[in-house]
Amino acid sequence: MELRHLRYFVAVVEEQSFTKAAERLFIAQPPLSRQIQNLEAELGVQLFERGSRPLLTTEAGQFFYQHALKLLSNAEEIKTMTQRVGLVQQTMTMGFVGSLLYGLLPNIVYLFRQQHPNLKIELVEMNTKDQIDALKEGRIDVGFGRLRISDPAVRRVLLREEPLMVAVHSGHRFAQQKQGVYLSDIVDEHLFLYPNYNKPNFSTQVRALFSEYGLDPKNINEIREIQLALGLVAAGEGVCVVPASARTINLSHLNYIPLLDDAAVSPIFLAHRSMDEGEHIRSLFDCIYQVYDLEAIRYDRAVF
């Protein structure tokens, strides 16, 4: 049981509604309901009267609510007092690859900011290889990337593997194949890859994926950035392999089709200096897993 579970529970009790509590917490209602169900399963008791309108607590739920309020109050007091002890502002610099901004990284950083209001957080876009050098030189504290680059001075943690998709024009023959396509289906298409600089990069990763399946696409055009590549796809010029989070880029006549090959995923890593496992690093991992829990994303929690 974690403090966030107590915050979720208290919000539901005070709002007497999962929907209103979700709005108050700025999260979706289904993940909130799931977290409360998990809390009840962990406690082995029912906390709410099922079917009551407005939502009412059981006797056990009311007891838990009173003590949850005390624990949250104590935790906030400890946090405030600790922050006063260290009034000197600290800075945490995060490197990231640009494509992660279309996924959950903004949610993670926002949550981390809310939990550390006295910590100055700086974001710097850079590719994965440059992140390794920047970590070793002390220019950044953590790096979010997609490539498997090993270095004994850097600890790399796999956060999750993001599915890949194919962006196609709505008039393309693949646009109606909602179930998905295979790499072998698109190998002869006019294929846009991105970016075309600072290799190794995502385009290198996609080329390696084709090679893994013994495929050799001949009609490849490397583009500077994802927005330009998808703009060309929307114009009917070709197709483009992208991470699933790119679906947030909405252009007219642009469809996203799943890639069905088992290896068609893009890993997302967090890297930090091997000897640096301080409070802020651990807290950042906690924020990541909180966001993943709320989005019902599977992951293997890193062990410190």
C-alpha atoms as a PDB file:
ATOM      1  CA  MET A   1       0.000   0.000   0.000  1.00  0.00           C
ATOM      2  CA  GLU A   2       1.343   3.423  -0.972  1.00  0.00           C
ATOM      3  CA  LEU A   3       0.356   7.001  -0.117  1.00  0.00           C
ATOM      4  CA  ARG A   4      -1.172   7.493  -3.552  1.00  0.00           C
ATOM      5  CA  HIS A   5      -3.644   4.677  -2.802  1.00  0.00           C
ATOM      6  CA  LEU A   6      -4.695   6.567   0.322  1.00  0.00           C
ATOM      7  CA  ARG A   7      -5.131   9.790  -1.697  1.00  0.00           C
ATOM      8  CA  TYR A   8      -7.303   7.969  -4.252  1.00  0.00           C
ATOM      9  CA  PHE A   9      -9.441   6.421  -1.519  1.00  0.00           C
ATOM     10  CA  VAL A  10      -9.907   9.688   0.389  1.00  0.00           C
ATOM     11  CA  ALA A  11     -10.967  11.493  -2.806  1.00  0.00           C
ATOM     12  CA  VAL A  12     -13.613   8.853  -3.578  1.00  0.00           C
ATOM     13  CA  VAL A  13     -14.979   9.004  -0.010  1.00  0.00           C
ATOM     14  CA  GLU A  14     -15.158  12.803   0.033  1.00  0.00           C
ATOM     15  CA  GLU A  15     -16.672  13.120  -3.452  1.00  0.00           C
ATOM     16  CA  GLN A  16     -18.984  10.111  -2.914  1.00  0.00           C
ATOM     17  CA  SER A  17     -18.469   9.333  -6.595  1.00  0.00           C
ATOM     18  CA  PHE A  18     -15.748   7.668  -8.655  1.00  0.00           C
ATOM     19  CA  THR A  19     -16.445  10.049 -11.530  1.00  0.00           C
ATOM     20  CA  LYS A  20     -16.116  13.219  -9.429  1.00  0.00           C
ATOM     21  CA  ALA A  21     -13.067  11.845  -7.615  1.00  0.00           C
ATOM     22  CA  ALA A  22     -11.377  11.107 -10.941  1.00  0.00           C
ATOM     23  CA  GLU A  23     -12.021  14.702 -12.059  1.00  0.00           C
ATOM     24  CA  ARG A  24     -10.575  16.004  -8.788  1.00  0.00           C
ATOM     25  CA  LEU A  25      -7.466  13.839  -9.206  1.00  0.00           C
ATOM     26  CA  PHE A  26      -7.130  14.661 -12.939  1.00  0.00           C
ATOM     27  CA  ILE A  27      -7.140  10.989 -13.909  1.00  0.00           C
ATOM     28  CA  ALA A  28      -9.512   8.748 -15.847  1.00  0.00           C
ATOM     29  CA  GLN A  29     -12.303   7.007 -13.953  1.00  0.00           C
ATOM     30  CA  PRO A  30     -11.585   3.350 -14.979  1.00  0.00           C
ATOM     31  CA  PRO A  31      -7.972   3.352 -13.652  1.00  0.00           C
ATOM     32  CA  LEU A  32      -9.193   4.945 -10.405  1.00  0.00           C
ATOM     33  CA  SER A  33     -11.831   2.234  -9.930  1.00  0.00           C
ATOM     34  CA  ARG A  34      -9.182  -0.392 -10.631  1.00  0.00           C
ATOM     35  CA  GLN A  35      -6.842   1.075  -7.997  1.00  0.00           C
ATOM     36  CA  ILE A  36      -9.627   1.052  -5.365  1.00  0.00           C
ATOM     37  CA  GLN A  37     -10.446  -2.566  -6.232  1.00  0.00           C
ATOM     38  CA  ASN A  38      -6.774  -3.463  -5.801  1.00  0.00           C
ATOM     39  CA  LEU A  39      -6.746  -1.681  -2.425  1.00  0.00           C
ATOM     40  CA  GLU A  40      -9.795  -3.647  -1.250  1.00  0.00           C
ATOM     41  CA  ALA A  41      -8.170  -6.879  -2.427  1.00  0.00           C
ATOM     42  CA  GLU A  42      -4.981  -6.045  -0.522  1.00  0.00           C
ATOM     43  CA  LEU A  43      -6.914  -5.232   2.670  1.00  0.00           C
ATOM     44  CA  GLY A  44      -9.260  -8.164   2.263  1.00  0.00           C
ATOM     45  CA  VAL A  45     -12.308  -6.041   3.099  1.00  0.00           C
ATOM     46  CA  GLN A  46     -15.006  -4.124   1.229  1.00  0.00           C
ATOM     47  CA  LEU A  47     -14.576  -0.381   1.678  1.00  0.00           C
ATOM     48  CA  PHE A  48     -17.692   0.853  -0.141  1.00  0.00           C
ATOM     49  CA  GLU A  49     -21.342  -0.155  -0.151  1.00  0.00           C
ATOM     50  CA  ARG A  50     -21.932  -1.494  -3.642  1.00  0.00           C
ATOM     51  CA  GLY A  51     -24.820   0.091  -5.482  1.00  0.00           C
ATOM     52  CA  SER A  52     -25.326   2.978  -3.035  1.00  0.00           C
ATOM     53  CA  ARG A  53     -26.107   6.414  -4.491  1.00  0.00           C
ATOM     54  CA  PRO A  54     -24.360   8.553  -3.415  1.00  0.00           C
ATOM     55  CA  LEU A  55     -21.451   6.200  -2.773  1.00  0.00           C
ATOM     56  CA  LEU A  56     -21.165   5.293   0.930  1.00  0.00           C
ATOM     57  CA  THR A  57     -18.398   3.617   2.916  1.00  0.00           C
ATOM     58  CA  THR A  58     -18.772   0.413   4.891  1.00  0.00           C
ATOM     59  CA  GLU A  59     -17.917   0.419   8.589  1.00  0.00           C
ATOM     60  CA  ALA A  60     -14.435  -0.806   7.690  1.00  0.00           C
ATOM     61  CA  GLY A  61     -14.217   1.863   5.009  1.00  0.00           C
ATOM     62  CA  GLN A  62     -15.058   4.647   7.468  1.00  0.00           C
ATOM     63  CA  PHE A  63     -12.421   3.364   9.905  1.00  0.00           C
ATOM     64  CA  PHE A  64      -9.848   3.234   7.114  1.00  0.00           C
ATOM     65  CA  TYR A  65     -10.830   6.747   5.964  1.00  0.00           C
ATOM     66  CA  GLN A  66     -10.191   8.307   9.392  1.00  0.00           C
ATOM     67  CA  HIS A  67      -6.738   6.750   9.654  1.00  0.00           C
ATOM     68  CA  ALA A  68      -5.911   7.500   6.005  1.00  0.00           C
ATOM     69  CA  LEU A  69      -6.521  11.201   6.705  1.00  0.00           C
ATOM     70  CA  LYS A  70      -4.096  11.094   9.633  1.00  0.00           C
ATOM     71  CA  LEU A  71      -1.412   9.319   7.616  1.00  0.00           C
ATOM     72  CA  LEU A  72      -1.709  11.752   4.712  1.00  0.00           C
ATOM     73  CA  SER A  73      -1.577  14.720   7.100  1.00  0.00           C
ATOM     74  CA  ASN A  74       1.548  13.333   8.761  1.00  0.00           C
ATOM     75  CA  ALA A  75       3.183  12.639   5.416  1.00  0.00           C
ATOM     76  CA  GLU A  76       2.505  16.191   4.213  1.00  0.00           C
ATOM     77  CA  GLU A  77       3.936  17.628   7.436  1.00  0.00           C
ATOM     78  CA  ILE A  78       7.084  15.542   7.111  1.00  0.00           C
ATOM     79  CA  LYS A  79       7.443  16.606   3.486  1.00  0.00           C
ATOM     80  CA  THR A  80       7.046  20.316   4.313  1.00  0.00           C
ATOM     81  CA  MET A  81       9.521  20.179   7.188  1.00  0.00           C
ATOM     82  CA  THR A  82      12.070  18.304   5.098  1.00  0.00           C
ATOM     83  CA  GLN A  83      11.776  20.832   2.288  1.00  0.00           C
ATOM     84  CA  ARG A  84      12.422  23.654   4.736  1.00  0.00           C
ATOM     85  CA  VAL A  85      15.633  21.934   5.829  1.00  0.00           C
ATOM     86  CA  GLY A  86      16.962  22.044   2.280  1.00  0.00           C
ATOM     87  CA  LEU A  87      15.950  25.480   1.039  1.00  0.00           C
ATOM     88  CA  VAL A  88      18.815  25.610  -1.454  1.00  0.00           C
ATOM     89  CA  GLN A  89      17.187  24.877  -4.796  1.00  0.00           C
ATOM     90  CA  GLN A  90      18.441  21.771  -6.564  1.00  0.00           C
ATOM     91  CA  THR A  91      18.281  21.083 -10.280  1.00  0.00           C
ATOM     92  CA  MET A  92      17.536  17.850 -12.114  1.00  0.00           C
ATOM     93  CA  THR A  93      18.292  17.814 -15.825  1.00  0.00           C
ATOM     94  CA  MET A  94      16.569  15.231 -18.012  1.00  0.00           C
ATOM     95  CA  GLY A  95      17.633  14.273 -21.519  1.00  0.00           C
ATOM     96  CA  PHE A  96      14.999  12.826 -23.835  1.00  0.00           C
ATOM     97  CA  VAL A  97      14.463  11.785 -27.443  1.00  0.00           C
ATOM     98  CA  GLY A  98      11.803  13.910 -29.127  1.00  0.00           C
ATOM     99  CA  SER A  99       9.368  11.094 -30.009  1.00  0.00           C
ATOM    100  CA  LEU A 100       8.720  10.405 -26.308  1.00  0.00           C
ATOM    101  CA  LEU A 101       6.889  13.738 -26.001  1.00  0.00           C
ATOM    102  CA  TYR A 102       3.987  12.157 -27.911  1.00  0.00           C
ATOM    103  CA  GLY A 103       3.680   9.426 -25.280  1.00  0.00           C
ATOM    104  CA  LEU A 104       3.598   9.447 -21.489  1.00  0.00           C
ATOM    105  CA  LEU A 105       6.771  11.431 -20.791  1.00  0.00           C
ATOM    106  CA  PRO A 106       4.893  14.768 -20.353  1.00  0.00           C
ATOM    107  CA  ASN A 107       2.581  13.111 -17.792  1.00  0.00           C
ATOM    108  CA  ILE A 108       5.563  11.668 -15.924  1.00  0.00           C
ATOM    109  CA  VAL A 109       7.451  14.964 -15.812  1.00  0.00           C
ATOM    110  CA  TYR A 110       4.331  16.881 -14.736  1.00  0.00           C
ATOM    111  CA  LEU A 111       3.653  14.458 -11.881  1.00  0.00           C
ATOM    112  CA  PHE A 112       7.309  14.606 -10.821  1.00  0.00           C
ATOM    113  CA  ARG A 113       7.128  18.429 -10.770  1.00  0.00           C
ATOM    114  CA  GLN A 114       4.013  18.344  -8.586  1.00  0.00           C
ATOM    115  CA  GLN A 115       5.697  16.046  -6.095  1.00  0.00           C
ATOM    116  CA  HIS A 116       8.916  18.113  -6.025  1.00  0.00           C
ATOM    117  CA  PRO A 117       7.839  21.779  -6.179  1.00  0.00           C
ATOM    118  CA  ASN A 118      11.228  22.988  -4.861  1.00  0.00           C
ATOM    119  CA  LEU A 119      13.225  21.045  -7.440  1.00  0.00           C
ATOM    120  CA  LYS A 120      14.164  22.841 -10.640  1.00  0.00           C
ATOM    121  CA  ILE A 121      13.609  20.486 -13.578  1.00  0.00           C
ATOM    122  CA  GLU A 122      15.236  21.106 -16.961  1.00  0.00           C
ATOM    123  CA  LEU A 123      14.440  19.146 -20.138  1.00  0.00           C
ATOM    124  CA  VAL A 124      17.003  18.805 -22.927  1.00  0.00           C
ATOM    125  CA  GLU A 125      16.264  17.047 -26.219  1.00  0.00           C
ATOM    126  CA  MET A 126      19.126  14.793 -27.351  1.00  0.00           C
ATOM    127  CA  ASN A 127      19.509  11.388 -28.948  1.00  0.00           C
ATOM    128  CA  THR A 128      20.291   8.303 -26.886  1.00  0.00           C
ATOM    129  CA  LYS A 129      24.000   8.186 -27.759  1.00  0.00           C
ATOM    130  CA  ASP A 130      24.498  11.828 -26.729  1.00  0.00           C
ATOM    131  CA  GLN A 131      22.616  11.132 -23.502  1.00  0.00           C
ATOM    132  CA  ILE A 132      25.225   8.540 -22.492  1.00  0.00           C
ATOM    133  CA  ASP A 133      28.043  11.054 -22.982  1.00  0.00           C
ATOM    134  CA  ALA A 134      26.066  13.775 -21.179  1.00  0.00           C
ATOM    135  CA  LEU A 135      25.439  11.492 -18.206  1.00  0.00           C
ATOM    136  CA  LYS A 136      29.121  10.618 -17.881  1.00  0.00           C
ATOM    137  CA  GLU A 137      30.083  14.280 -18.135  1.00  0.00           C
ATOM    138  CA  GLY A 138      27.440  15.352 -15.583  1.00  0.00           C
ATOM    139  CA  ARG A 139      25.489  17.554 -18.007  1.00  0.00           C
ATOM    140  CA  ILE A 140      22.256  15.609 -17.398  1.00  0.00           C
ATOM    141  CA  ASP A 141      21.055  13.470 -14.478  1.00  0.00           C
ATOM    142  CA  VAL A 142      18.792  11.031 -16.320  1.00  0.00           C
ATOM    143  CA  GLY A 143      18.083  10.202 -19.948  1.00  0.00           C
ATOM    144  CA  PHE A 144      14.979   8.807 -21.640  1.00  0.00           C
ATOM    145  CA  GLY A 145      15.855   7.015 -24.882  1.00  0.00           C
ATOM    146  CA  ARG A 146      15.005   4.160 -27.228  1.00  0.00           C
ATOM    147  CA  LEU A 147      18.338   2.567 -28.166  1.00  0.00           C
ATOM    148  CA  ARG A 148      20.220  -0.271 -26.447  1.00  0.00           C
ATOM    149  CA  ILE A 149      23.569   1.390 -25.808  1.00  0.00           C
ATOM    150  CA  SER A 150      25.693  -0.194 -23.069  1.00  0.00           C
ATOM    151  CA  ASP A 151      28.310   1.580 -20.971  1.00  0.00           C
ATOM    152  CA  PRO A 152      29.694   0.426 -17.594  1.00  0.00           C
ATOM    153  CA  ALA A 153      29.364   3.946 -16.180  1.00  0.00           C
ATOM    154  CA  VAL A 154      25.630   4.097 -16.939  1.00  0.00           C
ATOM    155  CA  ARG A 155      22.739   2.035 -15.587  1.00  0.00           C
ATOM    156  CA  ARG A 156      20.058   1.486 -18.196  1.00  0.00           C
ATOM    157  CA  VAL A 157      16.569   0.347 -17.125  1.00  0.00           C
ATOM    158  CA  LEU A 158      13.982  -0.934 -19.599  1.00  0.00           C
ATOM    159  CA  LEU A 159      10.721   0.820 -18.710  1.00  0.00           C
ATOM    160  CA  ARG A 160       8.527  -0.826 -21.326  1.00  0.00           C
ATOM    161  CA  GLU A 161       8.379  -1.859 -24.970  1.00  0.00           C
ATOM    162  CA  GLU A 162       6.135   0.330 -27.091  1.00  0.00           C
ATOM    163  CA  PRO A 163       4.350  -1.309 -30.057  1.00  0.00           C
ATOM    164  CA  LEU A 164       5.173  -0.028 -33.531  1.00  0.00           C
ATOM    165  CA  MET A 165       2.600   0.980 -36.132  1.00  0.00           C
ATOM    166  CA  VAL A 166       2.528   1.952 -39.796  1.00  0.00           C
ATOM    167  CA  ALA A 167       1.206   5.370 -40.775  1.00  0.00           C
ATOM    168  CA  VAL A 168      -0.614   5.259 -44.133  1.00  0.00           C
ATOM    169  CA  HIS A 169      -2.836   7.550 -46.172  1.00  0.00           C
ATOM    170  CA  SER A 170      -6.556   6.884 -45.693  1.00  0.00           C
ATOM    171  CA  GLY A 171      -6.748   5.999 -49.381  1.00  0.00           C
ATOM    172  CA  HIS A 172      -3.959   3.402 -49.139  1.00  0.00           C
ATOM    173  CA  ARG A 173      -4.971  -0.254 -49.498  1.00  0.00           C
ATOM    174  CA  PHE A 174      -3.653  -0.971 -45.983  1.00  0.00           C
ATOM    175  CA  ALA A 175      -5.944   1.641 -44.397  1.00  0.00           C
ATOM    176  CA  GLN A 176      -8.817  -0.855 -44.236  1.00  0.00           C
ATOM    177  CA  GLN A 177      -6.707  -3.596 -42.609  1.00  0.00           C
ATOM    178  CA  LYS A 178      -7.572  -2.588 -39.054  1.00  0.00           C
ATOM    179  CA  GLN A 179      -6.144  -5.788 -37.583  1.00  0.00           C
ATOM    180  CA  GLY A 180      -2.696  -4.832 -38.828  1.00  0.00           C
ATOM    181  CA  VAL A 181       0.019  -5.720 -41.334  1.00  0.00           C
ATOM    182  CA  TYR A 182       3.437  -7.353 -41.265  1.00  0.00           C
ATOM    183  CA  LEU A 183       6.805  -5.876 -42.169  1.00  0.00           C
ATOM    184  CA  SER A 184       6.840  -8.183 -45.189  1.00  0.00           C
ATOM    185  CA  ASP A 185       3.671  -6.424 -46.421  1.00  0.00           C
ATOM    186  CA  ILE A 186       5.330  -2.993 -46.476  1.00  0.00           C
ATOM    187  CA  VAL A 187       8.860  -3.946 -47.576  1.00  0.00           C
ATOM    188  CA  ASP A 188       8.187  -2.855 -51.170  1.00  0.00           C
ATOM    189  CA  GLU A 189       6.366   0.361 -50.214  1.00  0.00           C
ATOM    190  CA  HIS A 190       7.885   3.835 -50.506  1.00  0.00           C
ATOM    191  CA  LEU A 191       9.071   3.973 -46.911  1.00  0.00           C
ATOM    192  CA  PHE A 192       9.857   7.101 -44.907  1.00  0.00           C
ATOM    193  CA  LEU A 193      12.223   6.744 -41.952  1.00  0.00           C
ATOM    194  CA  TYR A 194      13.287   9.407 -39.474  1.00  0.00           C
ATOM    195  CA  PRO A 195      15.434  11.099 -38.348  1.00  0.00           C
ATOM    196  CA  ASN A 196      18.234  11.369 -40.890  1.00  0.00           C
ATOM    197  CA  TYR A 197      20.935  12.630 -38.488  1.00  0.00           C
ATOM    198  CA  ASN A 198      22.810  11.679 -35.283  1.00  0.00           C
ATOM    199  CA  LYS A 199      22.943   7.941 -35.937  1.00  0.00           C
ATOM    200  CA  PRO A 200      22.335   5.453 -34.423  1.00  0.00           C
ATOM    201  CA  ASN A 201      18.731   6.557 -34.037  1.00  0.00           C
ATOM    202  CA  PHE A 202      15.139   5.418 -34.593  1.00  0.00           C
ATOM    203  CA  SER A 203      15.663   4.976 -38.347  1.00  0.00           C
ATOM    204  CA  THR A 204      18.616   2.693 -37.532  1.00  0.00           C
ATOM    205  CA  GLN A 205      16.338   0.700 -35.242  1.00  0.00           C
ATOM    206  CA  VAL A 206      13.687   0.254 -37.939  1.00  0.00           C
ATOM    207  CA  ARG A 207      16.280  -0.830 -40.524  1.00  0.00           C
ATOM    208  CA  ALA A 208      17.588  -3.407 -38.035  1.00  0.00           C
ATOM    209  CA  LEU A 209      14.044  -4.685 -37.504  1.00  0.00           C
ATOM    210  CA  PHE A 210      13.591  -5.350 -41.214  1.00  0.00           C
ATOM    211  CA  SER A 211      16.982  -7.081 -41.282  1.00  0.00           C
ATOM    212  CA  GLU A 212      15.979  -9.269 -38.322  1.00  0.00           C
ATOM    213  CA  TYR A 213      13.191 -10.707 -40.469  1.00  0.00           C
ATOM    214  CA  GLY A 214      15.457 -11.123 -43.503  1.00  0.00           C
ATOM    215  CA  LEU A 215      13.820  -8.211 -45.336  1.00  0.00           C
ATOM    216  CA  ASP A 216      15.644  -5.612 -47.400  1.00  0.00           C
ATOM    217  CA  PRO A 217      13.471  -2.571 -48.264  1.00  0.00           C
ATOM    218  CA  LYS A 218      14.829  -0.844 -51.356  1.00  0.00           C
ATOM    219  CA  ASN A 219      12.662   2.271 -51.552  1.00  0.00           C
ATOM    220  CA  ILE A 220      13.664   4.177 -48.392  1.00  0.00           C
ATOM    221  CA  ASN A 221      13.716   7.928 -47.913  1.00  0.00           C
ATOM    222  CA  GLU A 222      15.153   9.243 -44.640  1.00  0.00           C
ATOM    223  CA  ILE A 223      13.434  12.402 -43.375  1.00  0.00           C
ATOM    224  CA  ARG A 224      14.598  14.998 -40.847  1.00  0.00           C
ATOM    225  CA  GLU A 225      11.795  14.539 -38.287  1.00  0.00           C
ATOM    226  CA  ILE A 226       8.585  12.654 -37.550  1.00  0.00           C
ATOM    227  CA  GLN A 227       6.223  15.561 -38.296  1.00  0.00           C
ATOM    228  CA  LEU A 228       7.658  15.990 -41.802  1.00  0.00           C
ATOM    229  CA  ALA A 229       7.560  12.241 -42.452  1.00  0.00           C
ATOM    230  CA  LEU A 230       3.905  12.009 -41.408  1.00  0.00           C
ATOM    231  CA  GLY A 231       3.051  15.095 -43.450  1.00  0.00           C
ATOM    232  CA  LEU A 232       4.405  13.333 -46.531  1.00  0.00           C
ATOM    233  CA  VAL A 233       2.389  10.218 -45.663  1.00  0.00           C
ATOM    234  CA  ALA A 234      -0.751  12.365 -45.335  1.00  0.00           C
ATOM    235  CA  ALA A 235       0.006  13.665 -48.819  1.00  0.00           C
ATOM    236  CA  GLY A 236      -0.012  10.094 -50.143  1.00  0.00           C
ATOM    237  CA  GLU A 237       3.731   9.950 -50.820  1.00  0.00           C
ATOM    238  CA  GLY A 238       4.437   6.721 -48.910  1.00  0.00           C
ATOM    239  CA  VAL A 239       4.210   5.001 -45.521  1.00  0.00           C
ATOM    240  CA  CYS A 240       6.126   5.424 -42.255  1.00  0.00           C
ATOM    241  CA  VAL A 241       6.897   3.170 -39.260  1.00  0.00           C
ATOM    242  CA  VAL A 242       6.238   5.012 -35.977  1.00  0.00           C
ATOM    243  CA  PRO A 243       5.812   4.239 -32.260  1.00  0.00           C
ATOM    244  CA  ALA A 244       2.173   3.766 -31.201  1.00  0.00           C
ATOM    245  CA  SER A 245       2.262   7.026 -29.227  1.00  0.00           C
ATOM    246  CA  ALA A 246       2.607   8.931 -32.516  1.00  0.00           C
ATOM    247  CA  ARG A 247      -1.141   8.413 -32.980  1.00  0.00           C
ATOM    248  CA  THR A 248      -1.561  11.665 -31.051  1.00  0.00           C
ATOM    249  CA  ILE A 249      -0.348  13.408 -34.229  1.00  0.00           C
ATOM    250  CA  ASN A 250      -3.628  13.914 -36.061  1.00  0.00           C
ATOM    251  CA  LEU A 251      -3.442  14.884 -39.706  1.00  0.00           C
ATOM    252  CA  SER A 252      -6.190  14.686 -42.309  1.00  0.00           C
ATOM    253  CA  HIS A 253      -6.211  11.411 -44.250  1.00  0.00           C
ATOM    254  CA  LEU A 254      -3.678   9.801 -41.870  1.00  0.00           C
ATOM    255  CA  ASN A 255      -4.349   6.277 -40.554  1.00  0.00           C
ATOM    256  CA  TYR A 256      -2.298   4.215 -38.105  1.00  0.00           C
ATOM    257  CA  ILE A 257      -2.172   0.436 -38.586  1.00  0.00           C
ATOM    258  CA  PRO A 258      -0.619  -2.013 -36.058  1.00  0.00           C
ATOM    259  CA  LEU A 259       2.493  -3.957 -37.019  1.00  0.00           C
ATOM    260  CA  LEU A 260       1.875  -7.617 -36.214  1.00  0.00           C
ATOM    261  CA  ASP A 261       5.445  -8.933 -36.108  1.00  0.00           C
ATOM    262  CA  ASP A 262       6.433 -10.044 -32.593  1.00  0.00           C
ATOM    263  CA  ALA A 263       9.630  -7.975 -32.618  1.00  0.00           C
ATOM    264  CA  ALA A 264       7.869  -4.830 -33.861  1.00  0.00           C
ATOM    265  CA  VAL A 265       8.377  -2.850 -30.664  1.00  0.00           C
ATOM    266  CA  SER A 266      10.513   0.097 -29.644  1.00  0.00           C
ATOM    267  CA  PRO A 267      12.028  -0.158 -26.145  1.00  0.00           C
ATOM    268  CA  ILE A 268      11.917   2.843 -23.840  1.00  0.00           C
ATOM    269  CA  PHE A 269      14.838   3.132 -21.426  1.00  0.00           C
ATOM    270  CA  LEU A 270      15.695   5.368 -18.511  1.00  0.00           C
ATOM    271  CA  ALA A 271      19.436   5.781 -17.975  1.00  0.00           C
ATOM    272  CA  HIS A 272      21.320   7.287 -15.039  1.00  0.00           C
ATOM    273  CA  ARG A 273      24.847   7.161 -13.676  1.00  0.00           C
ATOM    274  CA  SER A 274      25.602   3.731 -12.205  1.00  0.00           C
ATOM    275  CA  MET A 275      26.538   5.066  -8.763  1.00  0.00           C
ATOM    276  CA  ASP A 276      23.683   7.607  -8.613  1.00  0.00           C
ATOM    277  CA  GLU A 277      20.612   6.050  -7.010  1.00  0.00           C
ATOM    278  CA  GLY A 278      19.606   8.956  -4.784  1.00  0.00           C
ATOM    279  CA  GLU A 279      16.204  10.094  -3.578  1.00  0.00           C
ATOM    280  CA  HIS A 280      15.256  11.983  -6.734  1.00  0.00           C
ATOM    281  CA  ILE A 281      16.123   9.053  -9.005  1.00  0.00           C
ATOM    282  CA  ARG A 282      13.995   6.678  -6.930  1.00  0.00           C
ATOM    283  CA  SER A 283      11.165   9.230  -6.824  1.00  0.00           C
ATOM    284  CA  LEU A 284      11.269   9.597 -10.607  1.00  0.00           C
ATOM    285  CA  PHE A 285      10.896   5.839 -11.026  1.00  0.00           C
ATOM    286  CA  ASP A 286       7.924   5.943  -8.631  1.00  0.00           C
ATOM    287  CA  CYS A 287       6.270   8.632 -10.780  1.00  0.00           C
ATOM    288  CA  ILE A 288       6.842   6.552 -13.910  1.00  0.00           C
ATOM    289  CA  TYR A 289       5.193   3.509 -12.367  1.00  0.00           C
ATOM    290  CA  GLN A 290       2.304   5.596 -11.007  1.00  0.00           C
ATOM    291  CA  VAL A 291       1.562   6.829 -14.540  1.00  0.00           C
ATOM    292  CA  TYR A 292       1.895   3.300 -15.934  1.00  0.00           C
ATOM    293  CA  ASP A 293      -0.499   1.985 -13.274  1.00  0.00           C
ATOM    294  CA  LEU A 294      -3.097   4.603 -14.152  1.00  0.00           C
ATOM    295  CA  GLU A 295      -2.734   3.845 -17.859  1.00  0.00           C
ATOM    296  CA  ALA A 296      -2.875   0.056 -17.210  1.00  0.00           C
ATOM    297  CA  ILE A 297       0.503  -0.438 -18.882  1.00  0.00           C
ATOM    298  CA  ARG A 298       2.411  -3.596 -17.975  1.00  0.00           C
ATOM    299  CA  TYR A 299       5.994  -3.257 -16.775  1.00  0.00           C
ATOM    300  CA  ASP A 300       8.659  -4.940 -14.652  1.00  0.00           C
ATOM    301  CA  ARG A 301       9.497  -2.682 -11.740  1.00  0.00           C
ATOM    302  CA  ALA A 302      13.203  -1.908 -11.382  1.00  0.00           C
ATOM    303  CA  VAL A 303      14.891  -3.088  -8.187  1.00  0.00           C
ATOM    304  CA  PHE A 304      17.197  -0.702  -6.292  1.00  0.00           C
END
